[in-house]
Amino acid sequence: NLRWSDVPTELENSFNHLIQLNNVQKIKKINVDVEICS
């Protein structure tokens, strides 16, 4: 039920969401690494 003009926005939103998830996982991994090292 999307208009064509909505598609880029939808793609951008999901892409941004993926980037945020990825960043959160990186941060979690860094925290785990720090705990292991300390």
PDB file of N, CA and C in Angstrom:
ATOM      1  N   ASN A   1       0.833  -1.202   0.000  1.00  0.00           N
ATOM      2  CA  ASN A   1       0.000   0.000   0.000  1.00  0.00           C
ATOM      3  C   ASN A   1       0.869   1.253   0.000  1.00  0.00           C
ATOM      4  N   LEU A   2       2.068   1.123  -0.496  1.00  0.00           N
ATOM      5  CA  LEU A   2       2.982   2.258  -0.545  1.00  0.00           C
ATOM      6  C   LEU A   2       2.873   2.976  -1.873  1.00  0.00           C
ATOM      7  N   ARG A   3       2.958   4.274  -1.815  1.00  0.00           N
ATOM      8  CA  ARG A   3       3.147   5.011  -3.055  1.00  0.00           C
ATOM      9  C   ARG A   3       4.616   4.923  -3.418  1.00  0.00           C
ATOM     10  N   TRP A   4       4.890   5.132  -4.693  1.00  0.00           N
ATOM     11  CA  TRP A   4       6.276   4.999  -5.123  1.00  0.00           C
ATOM     12  C   TRP A   4       7.168   5.995  -4.393  1.00  0.00           C
ATOM     13  N   SER A   5       6.652   7.157  -4.110  1.00  0.00           N
ATOM     14  CA  SER A   5       7.457   8.186  -3.440  1.00  0.00           C
ATOM     15  C   SER A   5       7.805   7.774  -2.015  1.00  0.00           C
ATOM     16  N   ASP A   6       7.031   6.842  -1.456  1.00  0.00           N
ATOM     17  CA  ASP A   6       7.306   6.391  -0.088  1.00  0.00           C
ATOM     18  C   ASP A   6       8.432   5.373  -0.031  1.00  0.00           C
ATOM     19  N   VAL A   7       8.709   4.751  -1.153  1.00  0.00           N
ATOM     20  CA  VAL A   7       9.648   3.630  -1.134  1.00  0.00           C
ATOM     21  C   VAL A   7      11.046   4.048  -0.684  1.00  0.00           C
ATOM     22  N   PRO A   8      11.628   5.110  -1.221  1.00  0.00           N
ATOM     23  CA  PRO A   8      12.969   5.487  -0.769  1.00  0.00           C
ATOM     24  C   PRO A   8      13.010   5.748   0.737  1.00  0.00           C
ATOM     25  N   THR A   9      11.975   6.364   1.254  1.00  0.00           N
ATOM     26  CA  THR A   9      11.942   6.652   2.679  1.00  0.00           C
ATOM     27  C   THR A   9      11.906   5.362   3.478  1.00  0.00           C
ATOM     28  N   GLU A  10      11.090   4.424   3.022  1.00  0.00           N
ATOM     29  CA  GLU A  10      11.011   3.129   3.699  1.00  0.00           C
ATOM     30  C   GLU A  10      12.365   2.444   3.683  1.00  0.00           C
ATOM     31  N   LEU A  11      13.016   2.489   2.541  1.00  0.00           N
ATOM     32  CA  LEU A  11      14.332   1.862   2.422  1.00  0.00           C
ATOM     33  C   LEU A  11      15.331   2.546   3.338  1.00  0.00           C
ATOM     34  N   GLU A  12      15.302   3.838   3.347  1.00  0.00           N
ATOM     35  CA  GLU A  12      16.221   4.586   4.213  1.00  0.00           C
ATOM     36  C   GLU A  12      15.973   4.247   5.674  1.00  0.00           C
ATOM     37  N   ASN A  13      14.704   4.170   6.043  1.00  0.00           N
ATOM     38  CA  ASN A  13      14.378   3.872   7.435  1.00  0.00           C
ATOM     39  C   ASN A  13      14.891   2.499   7.834  1.00  0.00           C
ATOM     40  N   SER A  14      14.657   1.510   6.998  1.00  0.00           N
ATOM     41  CA  SER A  14      15.107   0.168   7.357  1.00  0.00           C
ATOM     42  C   SER A  14      16.625   0.100   7.335  1.00  0.00           C
ATOM     43  N   PHE A  15      17.229   0.843   6.421  1.00  0.00           N
ATOM     44  CA  PHE A  15      18.685   0.859   6.347  1.00  0.00           C
ATOM     45  C   PHE A  15      19.271   1.499   7.603  1.00  0.00           C
ATOM     46  N   ASN A  16      18.697   2.617   7.992  1.00  0.00           N
ATOM     47  CA  ASN A  16      19.150   3.289   9.215  1.00  0.00           C
ATOM     48  C   ASN A  16      18.955   2.392  10.426  1.00  0.00           C
ATOM     49  N   HIS A  17      17.849   1.665  10.426  1.00  0.00           N
ATOM     50  CA  HIS A  17      17.578   0.759  11.536  1.00  0.00           C
ATOM     51  C   HIS A  17      18.660  -0.320  11.606  1.00  0.00           C
ATOM     52  N   LEU A  18      19.025  -0.850  10.456  1.00  0.00           N
ATOM     53  CA  LEU A  18      20.077  -1.870  10.407  1.00  0.00           C
ATOM     54  C   LEU A  18      21.397  -1.309  10.916  1.00  0.00           C
ATOM     55  N   ILE A  19      21.710  -0.090  10.500  1.00  0.00           N
ATOM     56  CA  ILE A  19      22.963   0.535  10.938  1.00  0.00           C
ATOM     57  C   ILE A  19      22.955   0.694  12.457  1.00  0.00           C
ATOM     58  N   GLN A  20      21.835   1.135  13.002  1.00  0.00           N
ATOM     59  CA  GLN A  20      21.750   1.310  14.452  1.00  0.00           C
ATOM     60  C   GLN A  20      21.930  -0.018  15.168  1.00  0.00           C
ATOM     61  N   LEU A  21      21.272  -1.057  14.660  1.00  0.00           N
ATOM     62  CA  LEU A  21      21.418  -2.381  15.264  1.00  0.00           C
ATOM     63  C   LEU A  21      22.866  -2.819  15.223  1.00  0.00           C
ATOM     64  N   ASN A  22      23.480  -2.605  14.090  1.00  0.00           N
ATOM     65  CA  ASN A  22      24.869  -3.004  13.906  1.00  0.00           C
ATOM     66  C   ASN A  22      25.764  -2.263  14.898  1.00  0.00           C
ATOM     67  N   ASN A  23      25.517  -0.979  15.059  1.00  0.00           N
ATOM     68  CA  ASN A  23      26.321  -0.184  15.991  1.00  0.00           C
ATOM     69  C   ASN A  23      26.124  -0.656  17.425  1.00  0.00           C
ATOM     70  N   VAL A  24      24.898  -0.974  17.776  1.00  0.00           N
ATOM     71  CA  VAL A  24      24.620  -1.462  19.128  1.00  0.00           C
ATOM     72  C   VAL A  24      25.381  -2.757  19.369  1.00  0.00           C
ATOM     73  N   GLN A  25      25.386  -3.631  18.391  1.00  0.00           N
ATOM     74  CA  GLN A  25      26.093  -4.904  18.554  1.00  0.00           C
ATOM     75  C   GLN A  25      27.591  -4.679  18.661  1.00  0.00           C
ATOM     76  N   LYS A  26      28.110  -3.742  17.891  1.00  0.00           N
ATOM     77  CA  LYS A  26      29.541  -3.428  17.985  1.00  0.00           C
ATOM     78  C   LYS A  26      29.875  -2.918  19.381  1.00  0.00           C
ATOM     79  N   ILE A  27      29.028  -2.040  19.892  1.00  0.00           N
ATOM     80  CA  ILE A  27      29.264  -1.482  21.223  1.00  0.00           C
ATOM     81  C   ILE A  27      29.225  -2.600  22.261  1.00  0.00           C
ATOM     82  N   LYS A  28      28.249  -3.495  22.135  1.00  0.00           N
ATOM     83  CA  LYS A  28      28.159  -4.616  23.071  1.00  0.00           C
ATOM     84  C   LYS A  28      29.411  -5.471  22.987  1.00  0.00           C
ATOM     85  N   LYS A  29      29.865  -5.707  21.786  1.00  0.00           N
ATOM     86  CA  LYS A  29      31.047  -6.545  21.606  1.00  0.00           C
ATOM     87  C   LYS A  29      32.261  -5.866  22.242  1.00  0.00           C
ATOM     88  N   ILE A  30      32.387  -4.568  22.046  1.00  0.00           N
ATOM     89  CA  ILE A  30      33.508  -3.832  22.636  1.00  0.00           C
ATOM     90  C   ILE A  30      33.446  -3.954  24.158  1.00  0.00           C
ATOM     91  N   ASN A  31      32.260  -3.813  24.716  1.00  0.00           N
ATOM     92  CA  ASN A  31      32.110  -3.929  26.165  1.00  0.00           C
ATOM     93  C   ASN A  31      32.530  -5.307  26.645  1.00  0.00           C
ATOM     94  N   VAL A  32      32.136  -6.318  25.930  1.00  0.00           N
ATOM     95  CA  VAL A  32      32.502  -7.687  26.297  1.00  0.00           C
ATOM     96  C   VAL A  32      34.016  -7.849  26.211  1.00  0.00           C
ATOM     97  N   ASP A  33      34.607  -7.328  25.145  1.00  0.00           N
ATOM     98  CA  ASP A  33      36.060  -7.428  24.985  1.00  0.00           C
ATOM     99  C   ASP A  33      36.771  -6.747  26.151  1.00  0.00           C
ATOM    100  N   VAL A  34      36.270  -5.606  26.537  1.00  0.00           N
ATOM    101  CA  VAL A  34      36.890  -4.858  27.636  1.00  0.00           C
ATOM    102  C   VAL A  34      36.781  -5.668  28.928  1.00  0.00           C
ATOM    103  N   GLU A  35      35.629  -6.273  29.163  1.00  0.00           N
ATOM    104  CA  GLU A  35      35.451  -7.066  30.383  1.00  0.00           C
ATOM    105  C   GLU A  35      36.403  -8.256  30.390  1.00  0.00           C
ATOM    106  N   ILE A  36      36.563  -8.881  29.247  1.00  0.00           N
ATOM    107  CA  ILE A  36      37.442 -10.050  29.159  1.00  0.00           C
ATOM    108  C   ILE A  36      38.891  -9.631  29.414  1.00  0.00           C
ATOM    109  N   CYS A  37      39.270  -8.491  28.890  1.00  0.00           N
ATOM    110  CA  CYS A  37      40.663  -8.041  28.995  1.00  0.00           C
ATOM    111  C   CYS A  37      40.998  -7.581  30.404  1.00  0.00           C
ATOM    112  N   SER A  38      40.011  -7.052  31.092  1.00  0.00           N
ATOM    113  CA  SER A  38      40.318  -6.439  32.385  1.00  0.00           C
ATOM    114  C   SER A  38      40.363  -7.471  33.503  1.00  0.00           C
TER     115      SER A  38
END
